[in-house]
Amino acid sequence: MRVIFCGTAAFAVPSLHALTQRHDVVLVVTQQDRPAGRGRRPQMPPVKLAAAEHNLAVTQPRSLRKEAVVAELAAAAADVIVVAAYGKILPKAILDLPPHGCLNVHASLLPRHRGAAPVTAAILAGDAESGSTIMHMDEGLDTGPILRQQSIPLSGSETTASLTTALSQLGADLLLPTVEDWVAGRIEPQDQDESSATYAPLLKKEDGIVRWDHDAESVCRHLRAMQPWPGAVTFWNGRQVKILGARPIADSVSEVPGRVIRHEGELAVVAGTGIVVLDEVQLAGKRALPAADFLRGYGAIVGAVLGEASMVS
C-alpha cells in the first residue's frame, strides 16, 4: 500500500515506524524546522528525524492550500493519507486526493476531547479512562466517522508526557490493522455522537498558572496536566515557582487559598478545599529541589500567599 504520512510531534513517530514495517510510505509531510533551545537554532521536528531513519522523502510546506503543494501530494499517488499530530488542518483538496481517504490517529476516545490538547484535557477532567481513535477525516475538527478505538484505564498519576507516550504507542498498534481493514472494505465507519462531543483547545503559556482557589484534587490534576508544557507555576514575591510534584490532602484549614503552611512538617499550600502538599519545586533561575530542601533554604515562604505575578504576598 502506498501511504502519505502527515505528522510533526513525537506522538506521531510510533505510527510512522509502524507503517514503514509493512507499507510503502512514499512521502512524509511535516511542519517546518523551528528555533528551539537557548541558541534558538532551527531544530527538525521529531517526525522528520524519524523519516530520515527510514530514508523517506520529506516535504515541509508552509501552507497546504497552495496548488503546488496539492500537486506534489497528488503526484505521490498514495492509496491513503495517514495523519497523526501534524498540527495543520488538511484542506478539502487534499482530503479528496487518495482513493481511500485520510485517516487520523487521535489521542482520545472521540467524540470526547476533540482538538489540539486531548491528553491534557483528559487529565484535567479526571477521566477514568482514555484511549486512541482512528477516524476517517472530514472537513471538521476531529468530527469524522470512527473506524476503530481502544481504551486504557487511568490510574490518576499520569502526566501529559507519560500519557502521551502511552497513547502514541496504542495508536500505532491500532493503526496498522485498521488501515489495512479499511482499505480492504472490512470496516463499517461509525458516526460520532455529537451530543457527547467535548473540545480540548490548544494550550497557552498562561494556562500553567495554578488556581489555588480550586480544590486540592483539581490543583494536582492541573499540575500533572501541565507537564511537560507549559508547567504548573505560581508566584512568590513576584518570582515564579514551578511545582513539579505534589499530592492532595483532604484536611481542612481555615486559611485563604494560596497560603503556604507547614503540614505535619511538610511544605504545603492551602487550596479552595483541602491542602496541596508539595513534593518538588523550582524557583525561577534555580535548580529543582525536593520540597524539604527548598523549605530549608527558603523558609520565609511559609506564611506567604502564592498567586499570580501581580499579587503581593
Protein backbone atom coordinates (compact mmCIF):
# COMPACT_ATOMS: atom_id res chain seq x y z
CA MET A 1 0.00 0.00 0.00
CA ARG A 2 1.25 3.49 -0.89
CA VAL A 3 0.91 5.88 2.06
CA ILE A 4 1.48 9.59 2.59
CA PHE A 5 2.14 10.31 6.26
CA CYS A 6 1.45 13.73 7.79
CA GLY A 7 2.86 14.27 11.28
CA THR A 8 5.11 16.55 13.31
CA ALA A 9 5.22 15.84 17.06
CA ALA A 10 6.77 12.89 18.88
CA PHE A 11 3.29 11.38 19.32
CA ALA A 12 3.30 10.58 15.59
CA VAL A 13 6.64 8.77 15.46
CA PRO A 14 5.44 5.27 16.53
CA SER A 15 2.71 5.42 13.87
CA LEU A 16 5.25 6.28 11.19
CA HIS A 17 7.53 3.46 12.33
CA ALA A 18 4.58 1.04 12.25
CA LEU A 19 3.58 1.96 8.69
CA THR A 20 7.11 1.50 7.37
CA GLN A 21 7.09 -2.11 8.58
CA ARG A 22 4.51 -3.28 6.02
CA HIS A 23 3.77 -0.44 3.62
CA ASP A 24 5.42 1.96 1.21
CA VAL A 25 5.49 5.39 2.82
CA VAL A 26 6.01 7.41 -0.36
CA LEU A 27 6.09 10.86 1.27
CA VAL A 28 6.26 12.35 4.76
CA VAL A 29 4.65 15.76 5.26
CA THR A 30 5.75 17.61 8.39
CA GLN A 31 5.94 21.17 9.69
CA GLN A 32 8.99 23.32 9.19
CA ASP A 33 12.10 23.31 11.37
CA ARG A 34 11.70 25.78 14.23
CA PRO A 35 14.11 27.61 16.55
CA ALA A 36 14.49 25.94 19.93
CA GLY A 37 16.81 25.89 22.93
CA ARG A 38 18.97 28.67 24.31
CA GLY A 39 20.70 29.23 21.00
CA ARG A 40 17.36 29.37 19.14
CA ARG A 41 18.82 27.26 16.39
CA PRO A 42 16.40 25.59 13.95
CA GLN A 43 15.58 22.05 15.01
CA MET A 44 13.94 19.34 12.96
CA PRO A 45 10.58 18.06 14.21
CA PRO A 46 10.57 14.50 15.61
CA VAL A 47 8.78 13.10 12.56
CA LYS A 48 11.41 14.49 10.20
CA LEU A 49 14.13 12.83 12.27
CA ALA A 50 12.19 9.54 12.18
CA ALA A 51 11.71 9.83 8.42
CA ALA A 52 15.46 10.21 7.99
CA GLU A 53 15.98 6.91 9.82
CA HIS A 54 13.96 5.19 7.09
CA ASN A 55 15.35 7.27 4.19
CA LEU A 56 11.88 8.60 3.39
CA ALA A 57 11.12 11.59 1.19
CA VAL A 58 10.09 14.62 3.25
CA THR A 59 8.29 17.84 2.41
CA GLN A 60 7.72 20.76 4.81
CA PRO A 61 5.22 23.15 3.22
CA ARG A 62 4.30 26.40 4.97
CA SER A 63 0.75 26.06 3.65
CA LEU A 64 -1.23 23.10 2.40
CA ARG A 65 -3.52 25.31 0.31
CA LYS A 66 -1.04 26.17 -2.44
CA GLU A 67 -1.65 24.44 -5.76
CA ALA A 68 1.96 23.33 -5.95
CA VAL A 69 1.67 21.51 -2.61
CA VAL A 70 -1.55 19.78 -3.62
CA ALA A 71 0.10 18.78 -6.90
CA GLU A 72 3.13 17.38 -5.04
CA LEU A 73 0.91 15.20 -2.86
CA ALA A 74 -1.18 14.13 -5.85
CA ALA A 75 1.97 13.07 -7.72
CA ALA A 76 2.82 10.70 -4.87
CA ALA A 77 -0.22 8.63 -5.93
CA ALA A 78 -0.96 7.36 -2.41
CA ASP A 79 -3.75 4.91 -1.68
CA VAL A 80 -4.36 6.58 1.68
CA ILE A 81 -3.10 9.50 3.74
CA VAL A 82 -2.44 8.93 7.45
CA VAL A 83 -2.33 11.91 9.81
CA ALA A 84 -1.02 11.95 13.39
CA ALA A 85 -0.21 15.07 15.43
CA TYR A 86 0.54 17.06 12.29
CA GLY A 87 -0.68 20.40 13.64
CA LYS A 88 -2.36 21.69 10.49
CA ILE A 89 -5.85 21.19 9.10
CA LEU A 90 -5.97 19.36 5.76
CA PRO A 91 -7.99 21.26 3.14
CA LYS A 92 -10.64 19.51 1.07
CA ALA A 93 -8.35 19.45 -1.96
CA ILE A 94 -6.01 17.13 -0.05
CA LEU A 95 -8.71 15.17 1.78
CA ASP A 96 -10.11 14.21 -1.62
CA LEU A 97 -6.79 13.07 -3.12
CA PRO A 98 -6.37 9.42 -2.08
CA PRO A 99 -8.94 6.81 -3.16
CA HIS A 100 -9.26 5.55 0.42
CA GLY A 101 -9.31 8.98 2.03
CA CYS A 102 -7.40 10.30 5.00
CA LEU A 103 -7.18 8.57 8.39
CA ASN A 104 -6.28 10.31 11.63
CA VAL A 105 -4.71 8.87 14.79
CA HIS A 106 -6.24 10.86 17.67
CA ALA A 107 -5.25 10.64 21.34
CA SER A 108 -8.70 10.40 22.90
CA LEU A 109 -11.90 8.38 22.83
CA LEU A 110 -13.74 10.53 20.32
CA PRO A 111 -16.04 12.38 20.38
CA ARG A 112 -14.63 13.27 23.81
CA HIS A 113 -11.75 15.76 23.70
CA ARG A 114 -11.68 16.80 20.08
CA GLY A 115 -8.97 19.32 19.29
CA ALA A 116 -5.31 20.08 19.89
CA ALA A 117 -4.78 19.01 23.53
CA PRO A 118 -6.83 15.86 24.18
CA VAL A 119 -4.35 14.24 26.57
CA THR A 120 -4.16 17.30 28.79
CA ALA A 121 -7.94 17.61 28.73
CA ALA A 122 -8.44 14.01 29.88
CA ILE A 123 -6.18 14.56 32.90
CA LEU A 124 -7.74 17.91 33.79
CA ALA A 125 -11.21 16.38 33.66
CA GLY A 126 -10.23 13.49 35.91
CA ASP A 127 -11.33 10.94 33.32
CA ALA A 128 -11.29 7.32 34.44
CA GLU A 129 -10.11 6.19 31.01
CA SER A 130 -8.54 7.50 27.85
CA GLY A 131 -7.57 5.88 24.59
CA SER A 132 -6.74 6.26 20.92
CA THR A 133 -9.11 6.59 17.98
CA ILE A 134 -8.58 6.01 14.27
CA MET A 135 -11.09 8.07 12.32
CA HIS A 136 -11.86 8.80 8.68
CA MET A 137 -11.20 12.50 8.28
CA ASP A 138 -13.70 15.06 7.02
CA GLU A 139 -13.51 18.85 6.87
CA GLY A 140 -14.45 19.30 10.54
CA LEU A 141 -12.21 19.34 13.62
CA ASP A 142 -11.96 15.66 14.60
CA THR A 143 -15.57 15.11 13.53
CA GLY A 144 -15.13 12.28 11.03
CA PRO A 145 -16.58 8.78 11.46
CA ILE A 146 -14.77 6.39 13.80
CA LEU A 147 -13.12 3.33 12.29
CA ARG A 148 -11.70 1.84 15.48
CA GLN A 149 -10.77 2.89 19.00
CA GLN A 150 -9.27 1.31 22.09
CA SER A 151 -9.37 2.47 25.70
CA ILE A 152 -6.97 2.23 28.61
CA PRO A 153 -7.73 2.89 32.31
CA LEU A 154 -6.14 5.88 34.01
CA SER A 155 -4.53 5.47 37.42
CA GLY A 156 -4.67 9.12 38.42
CA SER A 157 -0.89 9.50 38.40
CA GLU A 158 -0.38 10.20 34.69
CA THR A 159 1.20 13.38 33.38
CA THR A 160 0.55 14.70 29.89
CA ALA A 161 4.04 13.47 28.99
CA SER A 162 3.55 9.91 30.24
CA LEU A 163 0.02 9.52 28.89
CA THR A 164 1.01 10.92 25.51
CA THR A 165 3.73 8.28 25.27
CA ALA A 166 1.29 5.51 26.17
CA LEU A 167 -1.37 6.70 23.72
CA SER A 168 1.13 7.21 20.90
CA GLN A 169 2.08 3.53 21.09
CA LEU A 170 -1.54 2.46 21.48
CA GLY A 171 -2.45 4.48 18.40
CA ALA A 172 0.38 2.95 16.40
CA ASP A 173 -0.66 -0.57 17.41
CA LEU A 174 -4.23 0.23 16.37
CA LEU A 175 -3.26 1.91 13.11
CA LEU A 176 -1.83 -0.98 11.08
CA PRO A 177 -4.78 -3.39 11.35
CA THR A 178 -7.24 -0.53 10.99
CA VAL A 179 -5.79 0.96 7.81
CA GLU A 180 -5.49 -2.49 6.28
CA ASP A 181 -9.04 -3.48 7.20
CA TRP A 182 -10.34 -0.13 5.99
CA VAL A 183 -8.71 -0.37 2.58
CA ALA A 184 -9.93 -3.98 2.27
CA GLY A 185 -13.51 -2.89 2.98
CA ARG A 186 -13.81 -4.77 6.26
CA ILE A 187 -14.78 -1.77 8.46
CA GLU A 188 -18.14 -0.05 8.72
CA PRO A 189 -17.46 3.53 9.89
CA GLN A 190 -19.46 4.76 12.88
CA ASP A 191 -20.67 8.35 13.05
CA GLN A 192 -19.69 10.26 16.17
CA ASP A 193 -22.34 11.18 18.73
CA GLU A 194 -22.37 14.98 18.55
CA SER A 195 -24.24 15.23 21.85
CA SER A 196 -21.21 13.73 23.63
CA ALA A 197 -18.57 15.92 22.00
CA THR A 198 -16.16 17.97 24.10
CA TYR A 199 -13.26 20.14 22.97
CA ALA A 200 -9.62 20.44 24.02
CA PRO A 201 -8.18 23.75 22.77
CA LEU A 202 -4.51 24.43 22.22
CA LEU A 203 -2.69 25.23 25.47
CA LYS A 204 -1.34 28.71 26.15
CA LYS A 205 1.52 29.57 28.48
CA GLU A 206 -0.82 31.27 30.94
CA ASP A 207 -2.79 28.03 31.30
CA GLY A 208 0.01 26.83 33.56
CA ILE A 209 -0.81 29.29 36.38
CA VAL A 210 -2.12 27.42 39.43
CA ARG A 211 -5.53 28.48 40.73
CA TRP A 212 -5.29 27.88 44.45
CA ASP A 213 -8.99 28.56 44.97
CA HIS A 214 -9.74 25.25 43.23
CA ASP A 215 -9.99 22.09 45.31
CA ALA A 216 -6.78 20.19 46.08
CA GLU A 217 -7.60 17.30 43.75
CA SER A 218 -8.15 19.70 40.84
CA VAL A 219 -4.92 21.55 41.60
CA CYS A 220 -2.94 18.31 41.49
CA ARG A 221 -4.64 17.20 38.26
CA HIS A 222 -3.67 20.57 36.80
CA LEU A 223 -0.08 20.02 37.90
CA ARG A 224 0.07 16.66 36.11
CA ALA A 225 -1.72 18.00 33.05
CA MET A 226 0.73 20.87 32.61
CA GLN A 227 3.78 18.58 32.45
CA PRO A 228 5.89 18.96 30.40
CA TRP A 229 4.47 22.23 28.97
CA PRO A 230 3.75 24.91 29.99
CA GLY A 231 4.44 23.68 33.52
CA ALA A 232 2.38 24.41 36.64
CA VAL A 233 3.55 27.73 38.05
CA THR A 234 2.73 30.11 40.86
CA PHE A 235 4.40 33.27 42.15
CA TRP A 236 6.03 34.27 45.43
CA ASN A 237 7.09 37.89 45.89
CA GLY A 238 6.99 38.30 42.13
CA ARG A 239 9.26 35.30 41.47
CA GLN A 240 7.99 32.30 39.58
CA VAL A 241 7.85 28.97 41.40
CA LYS A 242 7.32 25.87 39.29
CA ILE A 243 5.60 22.98 41.03
CA LEU A 244 6.98 19.68 39.76
CA GLY A 245 5.35 17.28 42.20
CA ALA A 246 2.50 17.47 44.70
CA ARG A 247 -0.31 15.46 46.28
CA PRO A 248 -3.73 16.37 47.61
CA ILE A 249 -4.72 16.06 51.28
CA ALA A 250 -8.35 16.25 52.37
CA ASP A 251 -7.60 18.10 55.64
CA SER A 252 -9.42 21.39 56.13
CA VAL A 253 -7.60 24.57 57.15
CA SER A 254 -9.19 27.94 57.92
CA GLU A 255 -6.89 29.97 55.69
CA VAL A 256 -7.06 31.81 52.40
CA PRO A 257 -6.31 29.71 49.30
CA GLY A 258 -2.66 30.02 48.34
CA ARG A 259 -1.38 30.38 51.90
CA VAL A 260 1.84 28.42 52.42
CA ILE A 261 1.83 26.35 55.60
CA ARG A 262 3.67 23.52 57.27
CA HIS A 263 1.52 20.40 57.32
CA GLU A 264 2.94 17.69 59.59
CA GLY A 265 6.37 19.14 58.90
CA GLU A 266 5.94 19.24 55.13
CA LEU A 267 5.67 22.23 52.82
CA ALA A 268 2.05 22.67 51.77
CA VAL A 269 -0.36 25.18 50.25
CA VAL A 270 -3.99 25.74 51.22
CA ALA A 271 -6.42 25.12 48.36
CA GLY A 272 -10.06 26.11 47.97
CA THR A 273 -10.87 22.78 49.57
CA GLY A 274 -8.15 20.66 51.12
CA ILE A 275 -4.38 21.06 51.10
CA VAL A 276 -1.73 20.52 48.45
CA VAL A 277 1.46 19.02 49.87
CA LEU A 278 4.43 19.94 47.69
CA ASP A 279 6.99 17.27 46.81
CA GLU A 280 9.28 19.07 44.35
CA VAL A 281 9.56 22.75 43.43
CA GLN A 282 11.80 25.02 41.40
CA LEU A 283 12.35 28.71 41.99
CA ALA A 284 12.98 30.67 38.79
CA GLY A 285 16.67 30.65 37.93
CA LYS A 286 17.42 27.84 40.38
CA ARG A 287 17.56 24.07 40.13
CA ALA A 288 14.63 21.87 41.07
CA LEU A 289 14.63 20.78 44.72
CA PRO A 290 12.73 18.33 46.89
CA ALA A 291 10.27 20.40 48.91
CA ALA A 292 12.08 19.59 52.18
CA ASP A 293 15.33 21.02 50.81
CA PHE A 294 13.54 24.04 49.41
CA LEU A 295 11.97 24.68 52.79
CA ARG A 296 15.37 24.64 54.48
CA GLY A 297 16.73 27.20 52.02
CA TYR A 298 13.66 29.37 51.65
CA GLY A 299 11.83 29.06 54.94
CA ALA A 300 10.48 32.59 54.57
CA ILE A 301 7.94 31.27 52.10
CA VAL A 302 5.88 29.84 54.97
CA GLY A 303 3.01 32.22 55.66
CA ALA A 304 3.15 33.81 52.21
CA VAL A 305 0.16 33.76 49.87
CA LEU A 306 1.07 32.39 46.46
CA GLY A 307 -0.70 33.64 43.38
CA GLU A 308 -0.23 35.39 40.08
CA ALA A 309 2.76 37.63 39.35
CA SER A 310 0.78 40.77 40.13
CA MET A 311 -0.10 39.62 43.65
CA VAL A 312 1.84 40.75 46.70
CA SER A 313 2.25 38.21 49.48
